[in-house]
């Protein structure tokens, strides 16, 4: 997973899976999901990110190891 903030557009992008997107759908105001050819969600775009999330704490959280291990199988 890769998280990128674009200050020039105030957009936060969370890449869940690498690869090209083939479709995008706005699921809520300023929230867009990107899909690949297999219709899997590969990314989440959050527009007006500074108004919707605390960017100062971005990247300080962690995912519990047992949660990561359960998805690796």
PDB file of N, CA and C in Angstrom:
ATOM      1  N   UNK A   1       0.859  -1.165   0.000  1.00  0.00           N
ATOM      2  CA  UNK A   1       0.000   0.000   0.000  1.00  0.00           C
ATOM      3  C   UNK A   1       0.906   1.228   0.000  1.00  0.00           C
ATOM      4  N   UNK A   2       0.489   2.215  -0.776  1.00  0.00           N
ATOM      5  CA  UNK A   2       1.253   3.448  -0.884  1.00  0.00           C
ATOM      6  C   UNK A   2       0.279   4.617  -0.729  1.00  0.00           C
ATOM      7  N   UNK A   3       0.647   5.577   0.111  1.00  0.00           N
ATOM      8  CA  UNK A   3      -0.187   6.752   0.333  1.00  0.00           C
ATOM      9  C   UNK A   3       0.575   7.979  -0.150  1.00  0.00           C
ATOM     10  N   UNK A   4      -0.066   8.756  -1.019  1.00  0.00           N
ATOM     11  CA  UNK A   4       0.569   9.947  -1.576  1.00  0.00           C
ATOM     12  C   UNK A   4      -0.357  11.134  -1.435  1.00  0.00           C
ATOM     13  N   UNK A   5       0.206  12.257  -0.978  1.00  0.00           N
ATOM     14  CA  UNK A   5      -0.560  13.490  -0.883  1.00  0.00           C
ATOM     15  C   UNK A   5      -0.042  14.459  -1.945  1.00  0.00           C
ATOM     16  N   UNK A   6      -0.971  15.058  -2.693  1.00  0.00           N
ATOM     17  CA  UNK A   6      -0.642  16.031  -3.734  1.00  0.00           C
ATOM     18  C   UNK A   6      -1.129  17.402  -3.268  1.00  0.00           C
ATOM     19  N   UNK A   7      -0.243  18.212  -2.668  1.00  0.00           N
ATOM     20  CA  UNK A   7      -0.681  19.493  -2.090  1.00  0.00           C
ATOM     21  C   UNK A   7      -1.227  20.474  -3.128  1.00  0.00           C
ATOM     22  N   UNK A   8      -0.745  20.406  -4.356  1.00  0.00           N
ATOM     23  CA  UNK A   8      -1.210  21.348  -5.383  1.00  0.00           C
ATOM     24  C   UNK A   8      -2.688  21.171  -5.720  1.00  0.00           C
ATOM     25  N   UNK A   9      -3.209  19.959  -5.511  1.00  0.00           N
ATOM     26  CA  UNK A   9      -4.638  19.702  -5.757  1.00  0.00           C
ATOM     27  C   UNK A   9      -5.388  19.316  -4.485  1.00  0.00           C
ATOM     28  N   UNK A  10      -4.669  19.262  -3.357  1.00  0.00           N
ATOM     29  CA  UNK A  10      -5.230  18.852  -2.069  1.00  0.00           C
ATOM     30  C   UNK A  10      -5.922  17.496  -2.189  1.00  0.00           C
ATOM     31  N   UNK A  11      -5.200  16.558  -2.820  1.00  0.00           N
ATOM     32  CA  UNK A  11      -5.722  15.217  -3.058  1.00  0.00           C
ATOM     33  C   UNK A  11      -4.840  14.187  -2.374  1.00  0.00           C
ATOM     34  N   UNK A  12      -5.474  13.245  -1.698  1.00  0.00           N
ATOM     35  CA  UNK A  12      -4.780  12.131  -1.070  1.00  0.00           C
ATOM     36  C   UNK A  12      -5.116  10.884  -1.878  1.00  0.00           C
ATOM     37  N   UNK A  13      -4.091  10.128  -2.266  1.00  0.00           N
ATOM     38  CA  UNK A  13      -4.331   8.901  -3.025  1.00  0.00           C
ATOM     39  C   UNK A  13      -3.761   7.721  -2.261  1.00  0.00           C
ATOM     40  N   UNK A  14      -4.593   6.716  -2.035  1.00  0.00           N
ATOM     41  CA  UNK A  14      -4.180   5.492  -1.365  1.00  0.00           C
ATOM     42  C   UNK A  14      -4.167   4.389  -2.413  1.00  0.00           C
ATOM     43  N   UNK A  15      -2.967   3.954  -2.771  1.00  0.00           N
ATOM     44  CA  UNK A  15      -2.829   2.875  -3.752  1.00  0.00           C
ATOM     45  C   UNK A  15      -2.859   1.552  -3.005  1.00  0.00           C
ATOM     46  N   UNK A  16      -3.858   0.760  -3.274  1.00  0.00           N
ATOM     47  CA  UNK A  16      -4.015  -0.533  -2.609  1.00  0.00           C
ATOM     48  C   UNK A  16      -3.326  -1.656  -3.360  1.00  0.00           C
ATOM     49  N   UNK A  17      -3.273  -1.498  -4.682  1.00  0.00           N
ATOM     50  CA  UNK A  17      -2.701  -2.535  -5.544  1.00  0.00           C
ATOM     51  C   UNK A  17      -2.114  -1.850  -6.767  1.00  0.00           C
ATOM     52  N   UNK A  18      -0.904  -2.200  -7.119  1.00  0.00           N
ATOM     53  CA  UNK A  18      -0.250  -1.591  -8.284  1.00  0.00           C
ATOM     54  C   UNK A  18      -0.919  -2.069  -9.573  1.00  0.00           C
ATOM     55  N   UNK A  19      -0.885  -1.228 -10.571  1.00  0.00           N
ATOM     56  CA  UNK A  19      -1.427  -1.600 -11.870  1.00  0.00           C
ATOM     57  C   UNK A  19      -2.314  -0.509 -12.423  1.00  0.00           C
ATOM     58  N   UNK A  20      -2.632  -0.624 -13.694  1.00  0.00           N
ATOM     59  CA  UNK A  20      -3.445   0.406 -14.334  1.00  0.00           C
ATOM     60  C   UNK A  20      -4.915   0.331 -13.936  1.00  0.00           C
ATOM     61  N   UNK A  21      -5.506   1.483 -13.788  1.00  0.00           N
ATOM     62  CA  UNK A  21      -6.937   1.564 -13.531  1.00  0.00           C
ATOM     63  C   UNK A  21      -7.707   1.598 -14.835  1.00  0.00           C
ATOM     64  N   UNK A  22      -8.858   0.966 -14.847  1.00  0.00           N
ATOM     65  CA  UNK A  22      -9.684   0.964 -16.048  1.00  0.00           C
ATOM     66  C   UNK A  22     -11.030   1.640 -15.836  1.00  0.00           C
ATOM     67  N   UNK A  23     -11.368   1.910 -14.563  1.00  0.00           N
ATOM     68  CA  UNK A  23     -12.649   2.540 -14.250  1.00  0.00           C
ATOM     69  C   UNK A  23     -12.499   3.290 -12.939  1.00  0.00           C
ATOM     70  N   UNK A  24     -13.279   4.327 -12.779  1.00  0.00           N
ATOM     71  CA  UNK A  24     -13.299   5.097 -11.529  1.00  0.00           C
ATOM     72  C   UNK A  24     -14.751   5.445 -11.226  1.00  0.00           C
ATOM     73  N   UNK A  25     -15.104   5.356  -9.938  1.00  0.00           N
ATOM     74  CA  UNK A  25     -16.476   5.663  -9.532  1.00  0.00           C
ATOM     75  C   UNK A  25     -16.463   6.526  -8.284  1.00  0.00           C
ATOM     76  N   UNK A  26     -17.204   7.605  -8.330  1.00  0.00           N
ATOM     77  CA  UNK A  26     -17.356   8.443  -7.146  1.00  0.00           C
ATOM     78  C   UNK A  26     -18.395   7.780  -6.253  1.00  0.00           C
ATOM     79  N   UNK A  27     -17.982   7.400  -5.045  1.00  0.00           N
ATOM     80  CA  UNK A  27     -18.863   6.674  -4.133  1.00  0.00           C
ATOM     81  C   UNK A  27     -19.452   7.580  -3.056  1.00  0.00           C
ATOM     82  N   UNK A  28     -18.893   8.759  -2.909  1.00  0.00           N
ATOM     83  CA  UNK A  28     -19.367   9.785  -1.980  1.00  0.00           C
ATOM     84  C   UNK A  28     -18.777  11.097  -2.493  1.00  0.00           C
ATOM     85  N   UNK A  29     -19.303  12.224  -2.051  1.00  0.00           N
ATOM     86  CA  UNK A  29     -18.714  13.484  -2.503  1.00  0.00           C
ATOM     87  C   UNK A  29     -17.199  13.515  -2.251  1.00  0.00           C
ATOM     88  N   UNK A  30     -16.440  13.715  -3.305  1.00  0.00           N
ATOM     89  CA  UNK A  30     -14.976  13.834  -3.263  1.00  0.00           C
ATOM     90  C   UNK A  30     -14.243  12.545  -2.907  1.00  0.00           C
ATOM     91  N   UNK A  31     -14.920  11.401  -2.979  1.00  0.00           N
ATOM     92  CA  UNK A  31     -14.284  10.104  -2.731  1.00  0.00           C
ATOM     93  C   UNK A  31     -14.465   9.250  -3.984  1.00  0.00           C
ATOM     94  N   UNK A  32     -13.336   8.889  -4.598  1.00  0.00           N
ATOM     95  CA  UNK A  32     -13.367   8.138  -5.854  1.00  0.00           C
ATOM     96  C   UNK A  32     -12.593   6.835  -5.679  1.00  0.00           C
ATOM     97  N   UNK A  33     -13.211   5.734  -6.093  1.00  0.00           N
ATOM     98  CA  UNK A  33     -12.538   4.439  -6.097  1.00  0.00           C
ATOM     99  C   UNK A  33     -12.065   4.138  -7.508  1.00  0.00           C
ATOM    100  N   UNK A  34     -10.825   3.658  -7.615  1.00  0.00           N
ATOM    101  CA  UNK A  34     -10.274   3.234  -8.901  1.00  0.00           C
ATOM    102  C   UNK A  34     -10.307   1.715  -8.970  1.00  0.00           C
ATOM    103  N   UNK A  35     -10.701   1.188 -10.119  1.00  0.00           N
ATOM    104  CA  UNK A  35     -10.822  -0.248 -10.330  1.00  0.00           C
ATOM    105  C   UNK A  35      -9.905  -0.700 -11.461  1.00  0.00           C
ATOM    106  N   UNK A  36      -9.443  -1.955 -11.394  1.00  0.00           N
ATOM    107  CA  UNK A  36      -8.671  -2.523 -12.494  1.00  0.00           C
ATOM    108  C   UNK A  36      -9.595  -3.302 -13.426  1.00  0.00           C
ATOM    109  N   UNK A  37      -9.020  -3.941 -14.404  1.00  0.00           N
ATOM    110  CA  UNK A  37      -9.817  -4.667 -15.400  1.00  0.00           C
ATOM    111  C   UNK A  37     -10.602  -5.832 -14.781  1.00  0.00           C
ATOM    112  N   UNK A  38     -10.135  -6.339 -13.625  1.00  0.00           N
ATOM    113  CA  UNK A  38     -10.838  -7.429 -12.930  1.00  0.00           C
ATOM    114  C   UNK A  38     -11.890  -6.903 -11.961  1.00  0.00           C
ATOM    115  N   UNK A  39     -12.142  -5.595 -12.014  1.00  0.00           N
ATOM    116  CA  UNK A  39     -13.121  -4.928 -11.154  1.00  0.00           C
ATOM    117  C   UNK A  39     -12.731  -4.953  -9.670  1.00  0.00           C
ATOM    118  N   UNK A  40     -11.426  -5.034  -9.399  1.00  0.00           N
ATOM    119  CA  UNK A  40     -10.911  -4.961  -8.032  1.00  0.00           C
ATOM    120  C   UNK A  40     -10.592  -3.501  -7.715  1.00  0.00           C
ATOM    121  N   UNK A  41     -10.844  -3.082  -6.491  1.00  0.00           N
ATOM    122  CA  UNK A  41     -10.478  -1.726  -6.078  1.00  0.00           C
ATOM    123  C   UNK A  41      -8.966  -1.686  -5.934  1.00  0.00           C
ATOM    124  N   UNK A  42      -8.324  -0.779  -6.678  1.00  0.00           N
ATOM    125  CA  UNK A  42      -6.872  -0.663  -6.602  1.00  0.00           C
ATOM    126  C   UNK A  42      -6.430   0.657  -5.979  1.00  0.00           C
ATOM    127  N   UNK A  43      -7.364   1.597  -5.817  1.00  0.00           N
ATOM    128  CA  UNK A  43      -6.986   2.864  -5.218  1.00  0.00           C
ATOM    129  C   UNK A  43      -8.181   3.660  -4.734  1.00  0.00           C
ATOM    130  N   UNK A  44      -7.892   4.556  -3.791  1.00  0.00           N
ATOM    131  CA  UNK A  44      -8.907   5.447  -3.233  1.00  0.00           C
ATOM    132  C   UNK A  44      -8.379   6.866  -3.337  1.00  0.00           C
ATOM    133  N   UNK A  45      -9.134   7.722  -3.980  1.00  0.00           N
ATOM    134  CA  UNK A  45      -8.754   9.131  -4.124  1.00  0.00           C
ATOM    135  C   UNK A  45      -9.671   9.966  -3.232  1.00  0.00           C
ATOM    136  N   UNK A  46      -9.058  10.819  -2.420  1.00  0.00           N
ATOM    137  CA  UNK A  46      -9.818  11.698  -1.532  1.00  0.00           C
ATOM    138  C   UNK A  46      -9.496  13.134  -1.917  1.00  0.00           C
ATOM    139  N   UNK A  47     -10.473  13.802  -2.505  1.00  0.00           N
ATOM    140  CA  UNK A  47     -10.310  15.200  -2.885  1.00  0.00           C
ATOM    141  C   UNK A  47     -10.606  16.074  -1.675  1.00  0.00           C
ATOM    142  N   UNK A  48     -10.030  17.278  -1.649  1.00  0.00           N
ATOM    143  CA  UNK A  48     -10.148  18.188  -0.500  1.00  0.00           C
ATOM    144  C   UNK A  48      -9.697  17.472   0.769  1.00  0.00           C
ATOM    145  N   UNK A  49      -8.604  16.758   0.658  1.00  0.00           N
ATOM    146  CA  UNK A  49      -8.120  15.895   1.736  1.00  0.00           C
ATOM    147  C   UNK A  49      -7.821  16.648   3.028  1.00  0.00           C
ATOM    148  N   UNK A  50      -7.309  17.851   2.928  1.00  0.00           N
ATOM    149  CA  UNK A  50      -6.959  18.587   4.149  1.00  0.00           C
ATOM    150  C   UNK A  50      -8.192  18.950   4.968  1.00  0.00           C
ATOM    151  N   UNK A  51      -9.350  18.967   4.331  1.00  0.00           N
ATOM    152  CA  UNK A  51     -10.604  19.267   5.031  1.00  0.00           C
ATOM    153  C   UNK A  51     -11.258  17.997   5.569  1.00  0.00           C
ATOM    154  N   UNK A  52     -10.845  16.835   5.066  1.00  0.00           N
ATOM    155  CA  UNK A  52     -11.502  15.574   5.412  1.00  0.00           C
ATOM    156  C   UNK A  52     -10.699  14.690   6.358  1.00  0.00           C
ATOM    157  N   UNK A  53      -9.406  14.951   6.490  1.00  0.00           N
ATOM    158  CA  UNK A  53      -8.566  14.081   7.318  1.00  0.00           C
ATOM    159  C   UNK A  53      -7.461  14.889   7.976  1.00  0.00           C
ATOM    160  N   UNK A  54      -6.859  14.329   8.990  1.00  0.00           N
ATOM    161  CA  UNK A  54      -5.756  14.971   9.691  1.00  0.00           C
ATOM    162  C   UNK A  54      -4.453  14.581   8.990  1.00  0.00           C
ATOM    163  N   UNK A  55      -4.001  15.389   8.064  1.00  0.00           N
ATOM    164  CA  UNK A  55      -2.814  15.076   7.281  1.00  0.00           C
ATOM    165  C   UNK A  55      -1.536  15.108   8.109  1.00  0.00           C
ATOM    166  N   UNK A  56      -1.552  15.805   9.225  1.00  0.00           N
ATOM    167  CA  UNK A  56      -0.357  15.886  10.073  1.00  0.00           C
ATOM    168  C   UNK A  56      -0.012  14.526  10.677  1.00  0.00           C
ATOM    169  N   UNK A  57      -0.992  13.672  10.881  1.00  0.00           N
ATOM    170  CA  UNK A  57      -0.747  12.354  11.469  1.00  0.00           C
ATOM    171  C   UNK A  57      -0.699  11.244  10.418  1.00  0.00           C
ATOM    172  N   UNK A  58      -0.688  11.623   9.166  1.00  0.00           N
ATOM    173  CA  UNK A  58      -0.648  10.653   8.082  1.00  0.00           C
ATOM    174  C   UNK A  58       0.617   9.806   8.182  1.00  0.00           C
ATOM    175  N   UNK A  59       0.445   8.522   8.138  1.00  0.00           N
ATOM    176  CA  UNK A  59       1.579   7.619   8.161  1.00  0.00           C
ATOM    177  C   UNK A  59       2.059   7.251   9.545  1.00  0.00           C
ATOM    178  N   UNK A  60       1.451   7.784  10.587  1.00  0.00           N
ATOM    179  CA  UNK A  60       1.886   7.463  11.937  1.00  0.00           C
ATOM    180  C   UNK A  60       1.179   6.248  12.496  1.00  0.00           C
ATOM    181  N   UNK A  61       0.110   5.821  11.845  1.00  0.00           N
ATOM    182  CA  UNK A  61      -0.621   4.644  12.317  1.00  0.00           C
ATOM    183  C   UNK A  61       0.040   3.377  11.820  1.00  0.00           C
ATOM    184  N   UNK A  62      -0.366   2.264  12.396  1.00  0.00           N
ATOM    185  CA  UNK A  62       0.168   0.974  11.971  1.00  0.00           C
ATOM    186  C   UNK A  62      -0.976  -0.018  11.814  1.00  0.00           C
ATOM    187  N   UNK A  63      -0.720  -1.045  11.040  1.00  0.00           N
ATOM    188  CA  UNK A  63      -1.662  -2.141  10.888  1.00  0.00           C
ATOM    189  C   UNK A  63      -1.140  -3.273  11.765  1.00  0.00           C
ATOM    190  N   UNK A  64      -1.966  -3.823  12.649  1.00  0.00           N
ATOM    191  CA  UNK A  64      -1.494  -4.917  13.509  1.00  0.00           C
ATOM    192  C   UNK A  64      -0.931  -6.067  12.684  1.00  0.00           C
ATOM    193  N   UNK A  65       0.174  -6.645  13.154  1.00  0.00           N
ATOM    194  CA  UNK A  65       0.852  -7.716  12.424  1.00  0.00           C
ATOM    195  C   UNK A  65      -0.075  -8.895  12.172  1.00  0.00           C
ATOM    196  N   UNK A  66      -0.903  -9.269  13.140  1.00  0.00           N
ATOM    197  CA  UNK A  66      -1.790 -10.415  12.931  1.00  0.00           C
ATOM    198  C   UNK A  66      -2.793 -10.145  11.824  1.00  0.00           C
ATOM    199  N   UNK A  67      -3.146  -8.879  11.627  1.00  0.00           N
ATOM    200  CA  UNK A  67      -4.057  -8.525  10.553  1.00  0.00           C
ATOM    201  C   UNK A  67      -3.348  -8.668   9.202  1.00  0.00           C
ATOM    202  N   UNK A  68      -2.101  -8.241   9.122  1.00  0.00           N
ATOM    203  CA  UNK A  68      -1.312  -8.353   7.892  1.00  0.00           C
ATOM    204  C   UNK A  68      -1.112  -9.822   7.562  1.00  0.00           C
ATOM    205  N   UNK A  69      -0.761 -10.641   8.553  1.00  0.00           N
ATOM    206  CA  UNK A  69      -0.516 -12.057   8.307  1.00  0.00           C
ATOM    207  C   UNK A  69      -1.753 -12.773   7.779  1.00  0.00           C
ATOM    208  N   UNK A  70      -2.940 -12.386   8.238  1.00  0.00           N
ATOM    209  CA  UNK A  70      -4.149 -13.068   7.798  1.00  0.00           C
ATOM    210  C   UNK A  70      -4.453 -12.778   6.335  1.00  0.00           C
ATOM    211  N   UNK A  71      -3.973 -11.648   5.818  1.00  0.00           N
ATOM    212  CA  UNK A  71      -4.205 -11.324   4.409  1.00  0.00           C
ATOM    213  C   UNK A  71      -3.115 -11.863   3.506  1.00  0.00           C
ATOM    214  N   UNK A  72      -1.998 -12.240   4.057  1.00  0.00           N
ATOM    215  CA  UNK A  72      -0.884 -12.736   3.254  1.00  0.00           C
ATOM    216  C   UNK A  72      -1.145 -14.142   2.735  1.00  0.00           C
ATOM    217  N   UNK A  73      -2.009 -14.870   3.371  1.00  0.00           N
ATOM    218  CA  UNK A  73      -2.276 -16.262   2.979  1.00  0.00           C
ATOM    219  C   UNK A  73      -3.066 -16.355   1.705  1.00  0.00           C
TER     220      UNK A  73
END
